[in-house]
């Protein structure tokens, strides 16, 4: 007999991800960005200037998936793109001052998640570490 969906961690993570995205959507809409754009801005906020390839690697995505949200962020004045001087195939992306300001404004996402979860910051961090350990175990080469 099959394991009930409620007992399958893959289904729990999937539906939790959808619930988080539904929680974030009104705030992201108010900020004028999508969730993938938020992830790009967050990566740049953490790391500083990055190539498209480095952003894709950081977000565990393909470079071709990163280019469209980066172009839209550039059109909105939130990032600037520049071709590499040594290798023109590389595109360096950097936050603009407007992008940095929007990233500060996006702090509401994490605050709302904590408030709506009825969990403490320590509980959320512990859960995140457990999920990261699971992800890392599943993606390791061994």
C-alpha atoms as a PDB file:
ATOM      1  CA  UNK A   1       0.000   0.000   0.000  1.00  0.00           C
ATOM      2  CA  UNK A   2       1.253   3.467  -0.873  1.00  0.00           C
ATOM      3  CA  UNK A   3       2.384   5.881   1.844  1.00  0.00           C
ATOM      4  CA  UNK A   4      -0.287   8.557   2.436  1.00  0.00           C
ATOM      5  CA  UNK A   5       0.664  11.937   0.992  1.00  0.00           C
ATOM      6  CA  UNK A   6       0.610  13.585   4.424  1.00  0.00           C
ATOM      7  CA  UNK A   7       3.435  11.213   5.460  1.00  0.00           C
ATOM      8  CA  UNK A   8       5.619  11.892   2.405  1.00  0.00           C
ATOM      9  CA  UNK A   9       8.228  14.568   3.055  1.00  0.00           C
ATOM     10  CA  UNK A  10       8.420  15.420  -0.656  1.00  0.00           C
ATOM     11  CA  UNK A  11       4.731  16.363  -0.632  1.00  0.00           C
ATOM     12  CA  UNK A  12       5.058  18.281   2.643  1.00  0.00           C
ATOM     13  CA  UNK A  13       7.998  20.296   1.287  1.00  0.00           C
ATOM     14  CA  UNK A  14       6.175  20.901  -2.007  1.00  0.00           C
ATOM     15  CA  UNK A  15       2.985  22.184  -0.360  1.00  0.00           C
ATOM     16  CA  UNK A  16       4.981  24.221   2.177  1.00  0.00           C
ATOM     17  CA  UNK A  17       6.885  25.864  -0.672  1.00  0.00           C
ATOM     18  CA  UNK A  18       3.593  26.750  -2.355  1.00  0.00           C
ATOM     19  CA  UNK A  19       2.235  28.159   0.945  1.00  0.00           C
ATOM     20  CA  UNK A  20       5.350  30.308   1.399  1.00  0.00           C
ATOM     21  CA  UNK A  21       5.075  31.588  -2.180  1.00  0.00           C
ATOM     22  CA  UNK A  22       1.392  32.470  -1.605  1.00  0.00           C
ATOM     23  CA  UNK A  23       2.408  34.301   1.589  1.00  0.00           C
ATOM     24  CA  UNK A  24       5.141  36.234  -0.221  1.00  0.00           C
ATOM     25  CA  UNK A  25       3.177  37.025  -3.409  1.00  0.00           C
ATOM     26  CA  UNK A  26       1.207  40.083  -2.208  1.00  0.00           C
ATOM     27  CA  UNK A  27       4.357  41.624  -0.736  1.00  0.00           C
ATOM     28  CA  UNK A  28       6.417  40.866  -3.843  1.00  0.00           C
ATOM     29  CA  UNK A  29       3.632  42.328  -6.001  1.00  0.00           C
ATOM     30  CA  UNK A  30       3.724  45.498  -3.877  1.00  0.00           C
ATOM     31  CA  UNK A  31       7.510  45.656  -4.386  1.00  0.00           C
ATOM     32  CA  UNK A  32       7.045  45.110  -8.131  1.00  0.00           C
ATOM     33  CA  UNK A  33       9.163  41.959  -8.368  1.00  0.00           C
ATOM     34  CA  UNK A  34       8.661  38.227  -8.768  1.00  0.00           C
ATOM     35  CA  UNK A  35      10.017  35.510  -6.498  1.00  0.00           C
ATOM     36  CA  UNK A  36      12.841  34.579  -8.925  1.00  0.00           C
ATOM     37  CA  UNK A  37      13.784  38.274  -9.109  1.00  0.00           C
ATOM     38  CA  UNK A  38      13.781  38.416  -5.298  1.00  0.00           C
ATOM     39  CA  UNK A  39      16.173  35.442  -5.226  1.00  0.00           C
ATOM     40  CA  UNK A  40      18.530  37.162  -7.684  1.00  0.00           C
ATOM     41  CA  UNK A  41      18.482  40.373  -5.629  1.00  0.00           C
ATOM     42  CA  UNK A  42      19.100  38.375  -2.445  1.00  0.00           C
ATOM     43  CA  UNK A  43      22.071  36.546  -3.979  1.00  0.00           C
ATOM     44  CA  UNK A  44      23.565  39.852  -5.114  1.00  0.00           C
ATOM     45  CA  UNK A  45      22.904  41.353  -1.690  1.00  0.00           C
ATOM     46  CA  UNK A  46      24.813  38.495  -0.058  1.00  0.00           C
ATOM     47  CA  UNK A  47      27.684  38.125  -2.475  1.00  0.00           C
ATOM     48  CA  UNK A  48      28.058  41.499  -4.176  1.00  0.00           C
ATOM     49  CA  UNK A  49      28.685  41.693  -7.928  1.00  0.00           C
ATOM     50  CA  UNK A  50      28.253  38.297  -9.590  1.00  0.00           C
ATOM     51  CA  UNK A  51      28.289  36.826 -13.071  1.00  0.00           C
ATOM     52  CA  UNK A  52      25.108  35.300 -14.473  1.00  0.00           C
ATOM     53  CA  UNK A  53      26.769  31.888 -14.091  1.00  0.00           C
ATOM     54  CA  UNK A  54      27.615  32.520 -10.438  1.00  0.00           C
ATOM     55  CA  UNK A  55      24.042  33.638  -9.706  1.00  0.00           C
ATOM     56  CA  UNK A  56      22.711  30.521 -11.422  1.00  0.00           C
ATOM     57  CA  UNK A  57      25.098  28.348  -9.427  1.00  0.00           C
ATOM     58  CA  UNK A  58      24.145  30.060  -6.152  1.00  0.00           C
ATOM     59  CA  UNK A  59      20.435  29.494  -6.861  1.00  0.00           C
ATOM     60  CA  UNK A  60      20.940  25.951  -8.214  1.00  0.00           C
ATOM     61  CA  UNK A  61      19.511  26.943 -11.585  1.00  0.00           C
ATOM     62  CA  UNK A  62      20.660  27.046 -15.197  1.00  0.00           C
ATOM     63  CA  UNK A  63      22.175  30.277 -16.537  1.00  0.00           C
ATOM     64  CA  UNK A  64      19.440  30.423 -19.187  1.00  0.00           C
ATOM     65  CA  UNK A  65      16.862  30.546 -16.368  1.00  0.00           C
ATOM     66  CA  UNK A  66      18.595  33.501 -14.680  1.00  0.00           C
ATOM     67  CA  UNK A  67      18.957  35.762 -17.717  1.00  0.00           C
ATOM     68  CA  UNK A  68      15.236  36.704 -18.133  1.00  0.00           C
ATOM     69  CA  UNK A  69      14.687  37.844 -14.509  1.00  0.00           C
ATOM     70  CA  UNK A  70      18.016  39.717 -14.573  1.00  0.00           C
ATOM     71  CA  UNK A  71      16.969  41.527 -17.776  1.00  0.00           C
ATOM     72  CA  UNK A  72      13.656  42.529 -16.158  1.00  0.00           C
ATOM     73  CA  UNK A  73      15.500  43.715 -13.038  1.00  0.00           C
ATOM     74  CA  UNK A  74      17.779  45.790 -15.258  1.00  0.00           C
ATOM     75  CA  UNK A  75      14.784  47.313 -17.073  1.00  0.00           C
ATOM     76  CA  UNK A  76      13.358  48.244 -13.641  1.00  0.00           C
ATOM     77  CA  UNK A  77      16.651  49.930 -12.703  1.00  0.00           C
ATOM     78  CA  UNK A  78      17.376  47.478  -9.873  1.00  0.00           C
ATOM     79  CA  UNK A  79      20.530  45.910 -11.336  1.00  0.00           C
ATOM     80  CA  UNK A  80      23.124  46.824 -13.932  1.00  0.00           C
ATOM     81  CA  UNK A  81      24.700  44.340 -16.337  1.00  0.00           C
ATOM     82  CA  UNK A  82      28.129  44.642 -17.881  1.00  0.00           C
ATOM     83  CA  UNK A  83      29.967  42.371 -20.306  1.00  0.00           C
ATOM     84  CA  UNK A  84      33.269  40.990 -19.064  1.00  0.00           C
ATOM     85  CA  UNK A  85      36.295  42.858 -20.398  1.00  0.00           C
ATOM     86  CA  UNK A  86      38.437  39.721 -20.662  1.00  0.00           C
ATOM     87  CA  UNK A  87      35.666  37.309 -21.640  1.00  0.00           C
ATOM     88  CA  UNK A  88      32.694  39.017 -23.284  1.00  0.00           C
ATOM     89  CA  UNK A  89      30.608  35.875 -22.813  1.00  0.00           C
ATOM     90  CA  UNK A  90      30.525  36.617 -19.098  1.00  0.00           C
ATOM     91  CA  UNK A  91      27.974  39.123 -17.854  1.00  0.00           C
ATOM     92  CA  UNK A  92      28.608  40.797 -14.508  1.00  0.00           C
ATOM     93  CA  UNK A  93      25.503  41.831 -12.566  1.00  0.00           C
ATOM     94  CA  UNK A  94      25.504  44.385  -9.764  1.00  0.00           C
ATOM     95  CA  UNK A  95      22.836  45.944  -7.581  1.00  0.00           C
ATOM     96  CA  UNK A  96      21.997  49.578  -8.195  1.00  0.00           C
ATOM     97  CA  UNK A  97      21.152  51.866  -5.292  1.00  0.00           C
ATOM     98  CA  UNK A  98      17.455  51.270  -6.095  1.00  0.00           C
ATOM     99  CA  UNK A  99      18.093  47.506  -5.979  1.00  0.00           C
ATOM    100  CA  UNK A 100      19.781  47.801  -2.587  1.00  0.00           C
ATOM    101  CA  UNK A 101      16.855  49.848  -1.279  1.00  0.00           C
ATOM    102  CA  UNK A 102      14.331  47.310  -2.571  1.00  0.00           C
ATOM    103  CA  UNK A 103      16.298  44.546  -0.879  1.00  0.00           C
ATOM    104  CA  UNK A 104      15.994  46.420   2.430  1.00  0.00           C
ATOM    105  CA  UNK A 105      12.252  46.792   1.842  1.00  0.00           C
ATOM    106  CA  UNK A 106      11.948  43.042   1.156  1.00  0.00           C
ATOM    107  CA  UNK A 107      12.857  42.334   4.782  1.00  0.00           C
ATOM    108  CA  UNK A 108       9.097  42.170   5.371  1.00  0.00           C
ATOM    109  CA  UNK A 109       9.007  38.744   3.694  1.00  0.00           C
ATOM    110  CA  UNK A 110      11.027  37.016   6.394  1.00  0.00           C
ATOM    111  CA  UNK A 111       9.267  38.921   9.161  1.00  0.00           C
ATOM    112  CA  UNK A 112       5.853  37.927   7.807  1.00  0.00           C
ATOM    113  CA  UNK A 113       6.900  34.299   7.462  1.00  0.00           C
ATOM    114  CA  UNK A 114       8.027  34.187  11.086  1.00  0.00           C
ATOM    115  CA  UNK A 115       4.863  35.922  12.311  1.00  0.00           C
ATOM    116  CA  UNK A 116       2.535  33.691  10.282  1.00  0.00           C
ATOM    117  CA  UNK A 117       4.396  30.487  11.201  1.00  0.00           C
ATOM    118  CA  UNK A 118       3.886  30.926  14.955  1.00  0.00           C
ATOM    119  CA  UNK A 119       7.470  29.681  15.298  1.00  0.00           C
ATOM    120  CA  UNK A 120      10.416  31.464  16.882  1.00  0.00           C
ATOM    121  CA  UNK A 121      13.392  32.643  14.853  1.00  0.00           C
ATOM    122  CA  UNK A 122      15.452  29.854  16.476  1.00  0.00           C
ATOM    123  CA  UNK A 123      12.856  27.242  15.465  1.00  0.00           C
ATOM    124  CA  UNK A 124      12.766  28.500  11.878  1.00  0.00           C
ATOM    125  CA  UNK A 125      16.576  28.498  11.721  1.00  0.00           C
ATOM    126  CA  UNK A 126      16.768  24.942  13.124  1.00  0.00           C
ATOM    127  CA  UNK A 127      14.155  23.722  10.626  1.00  0.00           C
ATOM    128  CA  UNK A 128      16.026  25.450   7.792  1.00  0.00           C
ATOM    129  CA  UNK A 129      19.274  23.741   8.840  1.00  0.00           C
ATOM    130  CA  UNK A 130      17.552  20.343   8.851  1.00  0.00           C
ATOM    131  CA  UNK A 131      16.089  20.909   5.396  1.00  0.00           C
ATOM    132  CA  UNK A 132      19.482  22.105   4.111  1.00  0.00           C
ATOM    133  CA  UNK A 133      21.119  18.944   5.513  1.00  0.00           C
ATOM    134  CA  UNK A 134      18.517  16.818   3.711  1.00  0.00           C
ATOM    135  CA  UNK A 135      19.066  18.733   0.459  1.00  0.00           C
ATOM    136  CA  UNK A 136      22.831  18.437   0.773  1.00  0.00           C
ATOM    137  CA  UNK A 137      22.618  14.700   1.420  1.00  0.00           C
ATOM    138  CA  UNK A 138      20.385  14.225  -1.629  1.00  0.00           C
ATOM    139  CA  UNK A 139      22.626  16.292  -3.913  1.00  0.00           C
ATOM    140  CA  UNK A 140      25.988  14.932  -2.793  1.00  0.00           C
ATOM    141  CA  UNK A 141      27.918  12.960  -5.394  1.00  0.00           C
ATOM    142  CA  UNK A 142      28.422   9.916  -3.215  1.00  0.00           C
END
